[in-house]
Amino acid sequence: MKKVVLTIILLTIAWGTNLYAENNSSKNTAPKQTETNSSTALKPDRIDKQVQEQMKREEKYAKEQAFYQGSDYNLSEHEVDPNSLDSIKVPEPEYDFDMDDVYSD
């Protein structure tokens, strides 16, 4: 799963940089040589940062899924015995509701 997410992130970044390069070339202005050197130096750091953030999200997701699936929890002590339900009285609903008092302004 982590490999798939990493691949998607890297492809997204590569696609975005290609669009940026196409937009700059269509303007017919050549970027300065110093700007391209600094931007290429930042790309690996940015990629590493994004990969680390995505790995943190994946760890959080894995913890949440373990909680929601509940496979690590033993809830058998909270189960209700169906035979004990017979001794509980079912409350009867009160059908003596009168709407006349509501409209007596």
N, C-alpha and C. Protein backbone atom coordinates (compact mmCIF):
# COMPACT_ATOMS: atom_id res chain seq x y z
N MET A 1 0.83 -1.19 0.00
CA MET A 1 0.00 0.00 0.00
C MET A 1 0.87 1.25 0.00
N LYS A 2 1.95 1.21 0.80
CA LYS A 2 2.82 2.37 0.87
C LYS A 2 3.52 2.60 -0.47
N LYS A 3 3.86 1.51 -1.16
CA LYS A 3 4.53 1.65 -2.45
C LYS A 3 3.60 2.29 -3.47
N VAL A 4 2.33 1.92 -3.42
CA VAL A 4 1.36 2.48 -4.37
C VAL A 4 1.19 3.97 -4.11
N VAL A 5 1.06 4.34 -2.84
CA VAL A 5 0.88 5.75 -2.49
C VAL A 5 2.11 6.54 -2.88
N LEU A 6 3.29 5.99 -2.62
CA LEU A 6 4.53 6.68 -2.97
C LEU A 6 4.63 6.88 -4.48
N THR A 7 4.25 5.85 -5.24
CA THR A 7 4.28 5.96 -6.69
C THR A 7 3.32 7.03 -7.18
N ILE A 8 2.13 7.08 -6.61
CA ILE A 8 1.15 8.08 -7.01
C ILE A 8 1.65 9.49 -6.69
N ILE A 9 2.27 9.65 -5.53
CA ILE A 9 2.79 10.97 -5.16
C ILE A 9 3.88 11.40 -6.13
N LEU A 10 4.80 10.49 -6.43
CA LEU A 10 5.89 10.84 -7.32
C LEU A 10 5.39 11.14 -8.73
N LEU A 11 4.42 10.38 -9.22
CA LEU A 11 3.86 10.65 -10.55
C LEU A 11 3.13 11.98 -10.58
N THR A 12 2.43 12.31 -9.50
CA THR A 12 1.72 13.58 -9.42
C THR A 12 2.70 14.74 -9.44
N ILE A 13 3.78 14.60 -8.70
CA ILE A 13 4.78 15.67 -8.68
C ILE A 13 5.43 15.81 -10.05
N ALA A 14 5.76 14.68 -10.69
CA ALA A 14 6.38 14.73 -12.01
C ALA A 14 5.43 15.36 -13.03
N TRP A 15 4.16 15.02 -12.95
CA TRP A 15 3.16 15.59 -13.85
C TRP A 15 3.05 17.09 -13.63
N GLY A 16 3.04 17.52 -12.37
CA GLY A 16 2.94 18.94 -12.06
C GLY A 16 4.14 19.73 -12.55
N THR A 17 5.34 19.14 -12.44
CA THR A 17 6.52 19.85 -12.92
C THR A 17 6.53 19.94 -14.43
N ASN A 18 5.99 18.93 -15.12
CA ASN A 18 5.89 18.99 -16.58
C ASN A 18 4.94 20.10 -17.01
N LEU A 19 3.83 20.26 -16.32
CA LEU A 19 2.90 21.34 -16.64
C LEU A 19 3.54 22.70 -16.39
N TYR A 20 4.29 22.79 -15.32
CA TYR A 20 4.97 24.05 -15.01
C TYR A 20 6.00 24.38 -16.09
N ALA A 21 6.71 23.37 -16.56
CA ALA A 21 7.71 23.59 -17.60
C ALA A 21 7.05 24.00 -18.91
N GLU A 22 5.91 23.39 -19.23
CA GLU A 22 5.20 23.74 -20.46
C GLU A 22 4.67 25.16 -20.39
N ASN A 23 4.17 25.58 -19.24
CA ASN A 23 3.66 26.94 -19.09
C ASN A 23 4.77 27.96 -19.23
N ASN A 24 5.93 27.67 -18.68
CA ASN A 24 7.06 28.60 -18.79
C ASN A 24 7.59 28.67 -20.22
N SER A 25 7.60 27.55 -20.92
CA SER A 25 8.12 27.57 -22.29
C SER A 25 7.16 28.27 -23.24
N SER A 26 5.87 28.26 -22.93
CA SER A 26 4.90 28.91 -23.81
C SER A 26 4.95 30.43 -23.69
N LYS A 27 5.55 30.95 -22.64
CA LYS A 27 5.65 32.39 -22.47
C LYS A 27 6.81 33.00 -23.24
N ASN A 28 7.66 32.16 -23.82
CA ASN A 28 8.81 32.60 -24.60
C ASN A 28 9.79 33.43 -23.78
N THR A 29 9.85 33.17 -22.50
CA THR A 29 10.84 33.82 -21.66
C THR A 29 11.70 32.75 -21.04
N ALA A 30 12.97 32.92 -21.13
CA ALA A 30 13.90 31.94 -20.58
C ALA A 30 14.14 32.25 -19.11
N PRO A 31 13.99 31.26 -18.23
CA PRO A 31 14.24 31.51 -16.82
C PRO A 31 15.74 31.67 -16.58
N LYS A 32 16.07 32.35 -15.54
CA LYS A 32 17.47 32.56 -15.20
C LYS A 32 18.09 31.24 -14.78
N GLN A 33 19.37 31.09 -15.05
CA GLN A 33 20.07 29.86 -14.73
C GLN A 33 20.12 29.63 -13.23
N THR A 34 20.23 30.65 -12.42
CA THR A 34 20.32 30.50 -10.98
C THR A 34 18.99 30.02 -10.41
N GLU A 35 17.88 30.44 -10.99
CA GLU A 35 16.58 30.01 -10.51
C GLU A 35 16.37 28.52 -10.75
N THR A 36 16.78 28.01 -11.89
CA THR A 36 16.58 26.59 -12.17
C THR A 36 17.46 25.73 -11.26
N ASN A 37 18.66 26.20 -10.96
CA ASN A 37 19.52 25.42 -10.07
C ASN A 37 18.95 25.36 -8.67
N SER A 38 18.38 26.44 -8.17
CA SER A 38 17.83 26.44 -6.82
C SER A 38 16.54 25.62 -6.77
N SER A 39 15.75 25.66 -7.84
CA SER A 39 14.50 24.90 -7.82
C SER A 39 14.76 23.41 -7.93
N THR A 40 15.78 23.01 -8.67
CA THR A 40 16.09 21.58 -8.76
C THR A 40 16.69 21.08 -7.46
N ALA A 41 17.35 21.94 -6.72
CA ALA A 41 17.90 21.53 -5.43
C ALA A 41 16.79 21.35 -4.40
N LEU A 42 15.69 22.07 -4.54
CA LEU A 42 14.59 21.98 -3.59
C LEU A 42 13.68 20.79 -3.86
N LYS A 43 13.65 20.28 -5.06
CA LYS A 43 12.71 19.21 -5.40
C LYS A 43 12.90 17.95 -4.56
N PRO A 44 14.11 17.43 -4.38
CA PRO A 44 14.24 16.23 -3.55
C PRO A 44 13.81 16.46 -2.10
N ASP A 45 14.10 17.64 -1.56
CA ASP A 45 13.67 17.94 -0.20
C ASP A 45 12.15 18.00 -0.11
N ARG A 46 11.54 18.60 -1.11
CA ARG A 46 10.08 18.70 -1.13
C ARG A 46 9.45 17.32 -1.28
N ILE A 47 10.05 16.51 -2.12
CA ILE A 47 9.53 15.14 -2.32
C ILE A 47 9.67 14.34 -1.04
N ASP A 48 10.83 14.44 -0.38
CA ASP A 48 11.03 13.72 0.88
C ASP A 48 10.02 14.17 1.93
N LYS A 49 9.76 15.47 1.99
CA LYS A 49 8.80 15.99 2.96
C LYS A 49 7.40 15.46 2.67
N GLN A 50 7.00 15.46 1.41
CA GLN A 50 5.68 14.96 1.06
C GLN A 50 5.56 13.46 1.32
N VAL A 51 6.62 12.72 1.07
CA VAL A 51 6.60 11.28 1.33
C VAL A 51 6.47 11.03 2.83
N GLN A 52 7.19 11.78 3.64
CA GLN A 52 7.09 11.62 5.09
C GLN A 52 5.68 11.94 5.59
N GLU A 53 5.10 13.02 5.06
CA GLU A 53 3.73 13.37 5.46
C GLU A 53 2.74 12.28 5.07
N GLN A 54 2.90 11.72 3.87
CA GLN A 54 1.99 10.67 3.43
C GLN A 54 2.18 9.41 4.27
N MET A 55 3.40 9.11 4.67
CA MET A 55 3.63 7.94 5.52
C MET A 55 2.98 8.12 6.88
N LYS A 56 2.99 9.34 7.42
CA LYS A 56 2.30 9.62 8.68
C LYS A 56 0.80 9.42 8.53
N ARG A 57 0.25 9.89 7.40
CA ARG A 57 -1.18 9.68 7.16
C ARG A 57 -1.53 8.20 7.06
N GLU A 58 -0.65 7.42 6.42
CA GLU A 58 -0.89 5.98 6.29
C GLU A 58 -0.86 5.30 7.65
N GLU A 59 0.07 5.70 8.53
CA GLU A 59 0.13 5.12 9.87
C GLU A 59 -1.14 5.45 10.65
N LYS A 60 -1.60 6.69 10.55
CA LYS A 60 -2.83 7.09 11.23
C LYS A 60 -4.03 6.29 10.71
N TYR A 61 -4.08 6.13 9.39
CA TYR A 61 -5.17 5.35 8.78
C TYR A 61 -5.14 3.90 9.26
N ALA A 62 -3.96 3.30 9.36
CA ALA A 62 -3.84 1.92 9.82
C ALA A 62 -4.32 1.78 11.26
N LYS A 63 -3.99 2.75 12.11
CA LYS A 63 -4.45 2.72 13.50
C LYS A 63 -5.97 2.84 13.57
N GLU A 64 -6.53 3.74 12.78
CA GLU A 64 -7.98 3.93 12.78
C GLU A 64 -8.69 2.67 12.29
N GLN A 65 -8.17 2.03 11.25
CA GLN A 65 -8.80 0.82 10.74
C GLN A 65 -8.74 -0.30 11.75
N ALA A 66 -7.64 -0.42 12.49
CA ALA A 66 -7.54 -1.44 13.52
C ALA A 66 -8.58 -1.20 14.60
N PHE A 67 -8.84 0.07 14.92
CA PHE A 67 -9.85 0.40 15.93
C PHE A 67 -11.26 0.07 15.42
N TYR A 68 -11.57 0.47 14.18
CA TYR A 68 -12.92 0.27 13.66
C TYR A 68 -13.23 -1.20 13.39
N GLN A 69 -12.24 -1.99 13.02
CA GLN A 69 -12.49 -3.41 12.78
C GLN A 69 -12.70 -4.15 14.08
N GLY A 70 -12.08 -3.72 15.16
CA GLY A 70 -12.32 -4.29 16.47
C GLY A 70 -11.80 -5.69 16.66
N SER A 71 -10.88 -6.13 15.84
CA SER A 71 -10.38 -7.50 15.98
C SER A 71 -9.48 -7.64 17.21
N ASP A 72 -8.97 -6.55 17.75
CA ASP A 72 -8.09 -6.61 18.92
C ASP A 72 -8.86 -6.54 20.24
N TYR A 73 -10.15 -6.40 20.19
CA TYR A 73 -10.93 -6.19 21.40
C TYR A 73 -11.78 -7.42 21.69
N ASN A 74 -11.86 -7.78 22.97
CA ASN A 74 -12.70 -8.88 23.42
C ASN A 74 -13.91 -8.27 24.12
N LEU A 75 -15.04 -8.30 23.47
CA LEU A 75 -16.27 -7.70 24.01
C LEU A 75 -17.25 -8.75 24.50
N SER A 76 -16.78 -9.97 24.70
CA SER A 76 -17.69 -11.05 25.09
C SER A 76 -18.29 -10.82 26.48
N GLU A 77 -17.61 -10.10 27.35
CA GLU A 77 -18.15 -9.86 28.69
C GLU A 77 -19.33 -8.89 28.68
N HIS A 78 -19.52 -8.17 27.59
CA HIS A 78 -20.62 -7.22 27.48
C HIS A 78 -21.80 -7.77 26.70
N GLU A 79 -21.75 -9.02 26.31
CA GLU A 79 -22.86 -9.60 25.57
C GLU A 79 -24.05 -9.84 26.50
N VAL A 80 -25.23 -9.76 25.93
CA VAL A 80 -26.47 -9.95 26.70
C VAL A 80 -26.96 -11.38 26.50
N ASP A 81 -27.34 -12.00 27.61
CA ASP A 81 -27.90 -13.34 27.54
C ASP A 81 -29.36 -13.24 27.10
N PRO A 82 -29.72 -13.86 25.97
CA PRO A 82 -31.11 -13.73 25.49
C PRO A 82 -32.14 -14.32 26.46
N ASN A 83 -31.75 -15.27 27.29
CA ASN A 83 -32.70 -15.86 28.25
C ASN A 83 -33.05 -14.88 29.36
N SER A 84 -32.18 -13.93 29.65
CA SER A 84 -32.47 -12.96 30.71
C SER A 84 -33.44 -11.87 30.25
N LEU A 85 -33.70 -11.76 28.97
CA LEU A 85 -34.59 -10.72 28.46
C LEU A 85 -36.06 -11.01 28.78
N ASP A 86 -36.39 -12.26 29.07
CA ASP A 86 -37.78 -12.61 29.37
C ASP A 86 -38.24 -11.99 30.68
N SER A 87 -37.35 -11.74 31.61
CA SER A 87 -37.74 -11.20 32.91
C SER A 87 -37.95 -9.69 32.90
N ILE A 88 -37.64 -9.03 31.82
CA ILE A 88 -37.81 -7.57 31.75
C ILE A 88 -39.22 -7.24 31.30
N LYS A 89 -39.87 -6.34 32.06
CA LYS A 89 -41.23 -5.92 31.71
C LYS A 89 -41.18 -4.92 30.56
N VAL A 90 -42.06 -5.08 29.61
CA VAL A 90 -42.17 -4.16 28.49
C VAL A 90 -43.08 -3.02 28.92
N PRO A 91 -42.64 -1.78 28.87
CA PRO A 91 -43.49 -0.67 29.29
C PRO A 91 -44.61 -0.45 28.27
N GLU A 92 -45.77 -0.20 28.76
CA GLU A 92 -46.93 0.07 27.91
C GLU A 92 -46.93 1.56 27.55
N PRO A 93 -47.20 1.88 26.31
CA PRO A 93 -47.25 3.30 25.93
C PRO A 93 -48.48 3.98 26.51
N GLU A 94 -48.34 5.26 26.76
CA GLU A 94 -49.47 6.04 27.29
C GLU A 94 -50.21 6.66 26.12
N TYR A 95 -51.46 6.24 25.95
CA TYR A 95 -52.27 6.72 24.83
C TYR A 95 -53.23 7.82 25.23
N ASP A 96 -53.05 8.41 26.41
CA ASP A 96 -54.00 9.42 26.86
C ASP A 96 -53.51 10.83 26.58
N PHE A 97 -52.82 11.03 25.50
CA PHE A 97 -52.35 12.36 25.14
C PHE A 97 -53.51 13.16 24.56
N ASP A 98 -53.74 14.31 25.14
CA ASP A 98 -54.86 15.15 24.73
C ASP A 98 -54.34 16.43 24.08
N MET A 99 -54.71 16.67 22.84
CA MET A 99 -54.25 17.86 22.11
C MET A 99 -55.12 19.08 22.40
N ASP A 100 -56.19 18.95 23.16
CA ASP A 100 -57.06 20.10 23.43
C ASP A 100 -56.35 21.19 24.22
N ASP A 101 -55.43 20.80 25.08
CA ASP A 101 -54.72 21.80 25.89
C ASP A 101 -53.74 22.63 25.05
N VAL A 102 -53.32 22.10 23.97
CA VAL A 102 -52.36 22.81 23.12
C VAL A 102 -53.03 24.00 22.42
N TYR A 103 -54.28 23.85 22.02
CA TYR A 103 -54.98 24.89 21.25
C TYR A 103 -55.90 25.75 22.12
N SER A 104 -55.70 25.78 23.41
CA SER A 104 -56.64 26.49 24.29
C SER A 104 -56.23 27.93 24.57
N ASP A 105 -55.60 28.60 23.68
CA ASP A 105 -55.19 29.99 23.90
C ASP A 105 -56.37 30.83 24.02
